[in-house]
Protein backbone atom coordinates (compact mmCIF):
# COMPACT_ATOMS: atom_id res chain seq x y z
CA MET A 1 74.81 130.65 6.44
CA ASP A 2 76.43 134.02 6.06
CA LYS A 3 78.86 134.99 3.34
CA LYS A 4 81.93 134.82 5.58
CA ARG A 5 81.26 131.27 6.76
CA ALA A 6 80.45 130.04 3.24
CA ALA A 7 83.69 131.50 1.90
CA PHE A 8 85.68 130.00 4.77
CA LEU A 9 84.24 126.52 4.21
CA SER A 10 84.71 126.76 0.46
CA ILE A 11 88.42 127.51 0.96
CA PHE A 12 88.84 124.19 2.75
CA LEU A 13 86.76 122.39 0.13
CA PHE A 14 88.84 123.77 -2.73
CA ILE A 15 92.09 122.94 -0.96
CA ALA A 16 90.90 119.36 -0.40
CA VAL A 17 90.04 119.05 -4.10
CA ASN A 18 93.47 120.46 -4.90
CA VAL A 19 95.28 117.88 -2.75
CA VAL A 20 93.36 114.98 -4.25
CA SER A 21 93.86 116.13 -7.82
CA LEU A 22 97.57 116.74 -7.32
CA SER A 23 98.00 113.26 -5.88
CA ASN A 24 96.21 111.90 -8.95
CA ALA A 25 98.56 113.91 -11.15
CA ILE A 26 101.59 112.42 -9.41
CA GLU A 27 100.22 108.89 -9.76
CA GLY A 28 99.49 109.52 -13.42
CA TYR A 29 102.98 110.90 -13.97
CA TYR A 30 104.64 107.82 -12.52
CA GLY A 31 102.29 105.59 -14.50
CA HIS A 32 103.00 107.51 -17.75
CA GLU A 33 99.31 108.33 -18.20
CA ASP A 34 99.47 111.75 -19.83
CA GLU A 35 95.71 112.31 -20.09
CA ARG A 36 95.30 111.70 -16.37
CA VAL A 37 98.12 114.14 -15.57
CA TYR A 38 96.69 116.92 -17.73
CA ALA A 39 93.17 116.49 -16.36
CA ALA A 40 94.33 116.43 -12.74
CA VAL A 41 96.59 119.45 -13.15
CA THR A 42 93.76 121.38 -14.81
CA VAL A 43 91.42 120.58 -11.92
CA ALA A 44 94.14 121.57 -9.45
CA LEU A 45 94.71 124.92 -11.17
CA VAL A 46 90.99 125.71 -11.26
CA SER A 47 90.57 124.79 -7.60
CA THR A 48 93.56 126.98 -6.72
CA ILE A 49 92.01 129.94 -8.52
CA LEU A 50 88.66 129.34 -6.80
CA ALA A 51 90.32 128.99 -3.37
CA THR A 52 92.15 132.28 -3.94
CA ALA A 53 88.91 134.01 -4.94
CA ALA A 54 87.17 132.56 -1.89
CA PHE A 55 90.01 133.79 0.29
CA PHE A 56 89.59 137.36 -0.94
CA ILE A 57 85.82 137.16 -0.43
CA TRP A 58 86.37 135.88 3.10
CA LYS A 59 88.99 138.55 3.81
CA LYS A 60 86.66 141.29 2.59
CA ALA A 61 83.80 139.95 4.75
CA GLU A 62 86.06 139.45 7.79
CA TYR A 63 87.54 142.92 7.86
CA LYS A 64 84.45 144.82 6.75
CA LYS A 65 83.47 147.61 9.13
């Protein structure tokens, strides 16, 4: 698997992790479970940073001459 395809698939993987962790954060917020909220938001932030990094790797590989 080339670098471009791996980066493209990892973007979708990180976004899926982000959606799941944010839904867990919302459930924890309504259930007043602070530890669950903090853990889920931390995972969501890390997955957002990784998705952004994967996007720039994909963009660089896509538009490389």
